Amino acid sequence: MSEKIYIVKYSSGSYDDYYEQNIFATKSLEVASNYIQKFNKKLDYWKGVMMTYADEKGYLKEENWNIPVANHFWTIKDMNRSFMEEIEIR
């Protein structure tokens, strides 16, 4: 019988600036699944909040360029949902 490790990660960007970021690894499928659900729920919430600062095309409105949230706007907008990768230990 082999053990499994679950690597929880998220991706960001697209095409040439795409990357995956490892968040943590665990042996518990339940811990990984619960974290992914929480992460994705909060990401959906914050994407909604950030889009209130955007125009109809999804770009940051000019009047919001100099407010503190502008630093995080593109980071959150480009972030994709969390997922896990399963690795088997032999």
C-alpha atoms as a PDB file:
ATOM      1  CA  MET A   1       0.000   0.000   0.000  1.00  0.00           C
ATOM      2  CA  SER A   2       1.355   3.385  -0.905  1.00  0.00           C
ATOM      3  CA  GLU A   3       0.846   6.696   0.824  1.00  0.00           C
ATOM      4  CA  LYS A   4      -0.416   9.788  -0.911  1.00  0.00           C
ATOM      5  CA  ILE A   5       0.511  13.416  -0.426  1.00  0.00           C
ATOM      6  CA  TYR A   6      -1.791  16.191  -1.581  1.00  0.00           C
ATOM      7  CA  ILE A   7      -0.186  19.433  -2.727  1.00  0.00           C
ATOM      8  CA  VAL A   8      -2.594  22.364  -2.535  1.00  0.00           C
ATOM      9  CA  LYS A   9      -1.844  25.116  -5.039  1.00  0.00           C
ATOM     10  CA  TYR A  10      -3.306  27.882  -7.134  1.00  0.00           C
ATOM     11  CA  SER A  11      -2.373  29.297 -10.499  1.00  0.00           C
ATOM     12  CA  SER A  12      -2.217  32.798 -11.823  1.00  0.00           C
ATOM     13  CA  GLY A  13      -1.656  34.517 -15.115  1.00  0.00           C
ATOM     14  CA  SER A  14      -2.194  33.112 -18.567  1.00  0.00           C
ATOM     15  CA  TYR A  15      -0.133  32.067 -21.558  1.00  0.00           C
ATOM     16  CA  ASP A  16       3.432  33.377 -21.167  1.00  0.00           C
ATOM     17  CA  ASP A  17       3.081  34.633 -17.567  1.00  0.00           C
ATOM     18  CA  TYR A  18       1.246  31.561 -16.216  1.00  0.00           C
ATOM     19  CA  TYR A  19       2.599  30.045 -13.006  1.00  0.00           C
ATOM     20  CA  GLU A  20       1.485  27.701 -10.243  1.00  0.00           C
ATOM     21  CA  GLN A  21       2.107  28.534  -6.589  1.00  0.00           C
ATOM     22  CA  ASN A  22       2.323  25.738  -4.012  1.00  0.00           C
ATOM     23  CA  ILE A  23       0.522  26.644  -0.788  1.00  0.00           C
ATOM     24  CA  PHE A  24       1.148  23.546   1.327  1.00  0.00           C
ATOM     25  CA  ALA A  25       1.317  19.734   1.275  1.00  0.00           C
ATOM     26  CA  THR A  26      -0.563  17.324   3.507  1.00  0.00           C
ATOM     27  CA  LYS A  27      -1.285  13.631   3.843  1.00  0.00           C
ATOM     28  CA  SER A  28      -4.944  14.350   4.644  1.00  0.00           C
ATOM     29  CA  LEU A  29      -7.368  14.580   1.743  1.00  0.00           C
ATOM     30  CA  GLU A  30      -9.938  16.151   4.069  1.00  0.00           C
ATOM     31  CA  VAL A  31      -7.597  18.981   5.131  1.00  0.00           C
ATOM     32  CA  ALA A  32      -6.692  19.702   1.514  1.00  0.00           C
ATOM     33  CA  SER A  33     -10.317  19.680   0.341  1.00  0.00           C
ATOM     34  CA  ASN A  34     -11.487  21.943   3.167  1.00  0.00           C
ATOM     35  CA  TYR A  35      -8.713  24.452   2.496  1.00  0.00           C
ATOM     36  CA  ILE A  36      -9.490  24.517  -1.233  1.00  0.00           C
ATOM     37  CA  GLN A  37     -13.172  25.201  -0.534  1.00  0.00           C
ATOM     38  CA  LYS A  38     -12.328  28.066   1.851  1.00  0.00           C
ATOM     39  CA  PHE A  39      -9.714  29.522  -0.504  1.00  0.00           C
ATOM     40  CA  ASN A  40     -12.042  29.473  -3.511  1.00  0.00           C
ATOM     41  CA  LYS A  41     -14.932  30.958  -1.526  1.00  0.00           C
ATOM     42  CA  LYS A  42     -12.774  33.859  -0.316  1.00  0.00           C
ATOM     43  CA  LEU A  43     -11.261  34.327  -3.781  1.00  0.00           C
ATOM     44  CA  ASP A  44     -14.744  34.617  -5.320  1.00  0.00           C
ATOM     45  CA  TYR A  45     -15.689  37.178  -2.656  1.00  0.00           C
ATOM     46  CA  TRP A  46     -12.573  39.295  -3.172  1.00  0.00           C
ATOM     47  CA  LYS A  47     -12.842  39.136  -6.959  1.00  0.00           C
ATOM     48  CA  GLY A  48     -16.351  40.551  -6.594  1.00  0.00           C
ATOM     49  CA  VAL A  49     -15.056  43.325  -4.340  1.00  0.00           C
ATOM     50  CA  MET A  50     -12.218  44.167  -6.731  1.00  0.00           C
ATOM     51  CA  MET A  51     -14.539  44.285  -9.729  1.00  0.00           C
ATOM     52  CA  THR A  52     -16.415  47.176  -8.079  1.00  0.00           C
ATOM     53  CA  TYR A  53     -13.284  49.214  -8.884  1.00  0.00           C
ATOM     54  CA  ALA A  54     -13.286  48.100 -12.526  1.00  0.00           C
ATOM     55  CA  ASP A  55     -14.983  49.375 -15.642  1.00  0.00           C
ATOM     56  CA  GLU A  56     -17.245  47.253 -17.857  1.00  0.00           C
ATOM     57  CA  LYS A  57     -14.206  45.777 -19.674  1.00  0.00           C
ATOM     58  CA  GLY A  58     -12.644  44.584 -16.401  1.00  0.00           C
ATOM     59  CA  TYR A  59      -9.874  47.187 -16.208  1.00  0.00           C
ATOM     60  CA  LEU A  60      -9.170  49.355 -13.178  1.00  0.00           C
ATOM     61  CA  LYS A  61     -11.046  52.656 -13.499  1.00  0.00           C
ATOM     62  CA  GLU A  62      -8.799  55.697 -13.852  1.00  0.00           C
ATOM     63  CA  GLU A  63     -10.186  57.353 -10.710  1.00  0.00           C
ATOM     64  CA  ASN A  64      -9.061  54.277  -8.709  1.00  0.00           C
ATOM     65  CA  TRP A  65      -5.438  54.219  -9.900  1.00  0.00           C
ATOM     66  CA  ASN A  66      -4.057  55.968  -6.804  1.00  0.00           C
ATOM     67  CA  ILE A  67      -5.979  54.243  -4.017  1.00  0.00           C
ATOM     68  CA  PRO A  68      -4.328  51.483  -1.921  1.00  0.00           C
ATOM     69  CA  VAL A  69      -6.495  48.715  -3.405  1.00  0.00           C
ATOM     70  CA  ALA A  70      -4.944  49.333  -6.831  1.00  0.00           C
ATOM     71  CA  ASN A  71      -1.829  47.440  -5.731  1.00  0.00           C
ATOM     72  CA  HIS A  72      -3.854  44.251  -5.226  1.00  0.00           C
ATOM     73  CA  PHE A  73      -6.379  44.658  -8.043  1.00  0.00           C
ATOM     74  CA  TRP A  74      -4.409  42.843 -10.773  1.00  0.00           C
ATOM     75  CA  THR A  75      -3.041  40.190  -8.413  1.00  0.00           C
ATOM     76  CA  ILE A  76      -6.516  39.110  -7.321  1.00  0.00           C
ATOM     77  CA  LYS A  77      -8.067  39.572 -10.768  1.00  0.00           C
ATOM     78  CA  ASP A  78      -5.470  37.272 -12.396  1.00  0.00           C
ATOM     79  CA  MET A  79      -5.554  34.618  -9.661  1.00  0.00           C
ATOM     80  CA  ASN A  80      -7.256  31.342 -10.540  1.00  0.00           C
ATOM     81  CA  ARG A  81      -9.052  28.949  -8.231  1.00  0.00           C
ATOM     82  CA  SER A  82      -7.159  26.635  -5.889  1.00  0.00           C
ATOM     83  CA  PHE A  83      -6.715  22.958  -6.701  1.00  0.00           C
ATOM     84  CA  MET A  84      -4.697  19.975  -5.522  1.00  0.00           C
ATOM     85  CA  GLU A  85      -2.197  17.639  -7.038  1.00  0.00           C
ATOM     86  CA  GLU A  86      -1.987  14.089  -5.725  1.00  0.00           C
ATOM     87  CA  ILE A  87       1.419  12.463  -5.429  1.00  0.00           C
ATOM     88  CA  GLU A  88       1.975   8.845  -4.504  1.00  0.00           C
ATOM     89  CA  ILE A  89       4.906   7.839  -2.289  1.00  0.00           C
ATOM     90  CA  ARG A  90       6.406   4.465  -3.144  1.00  0.00           C
END
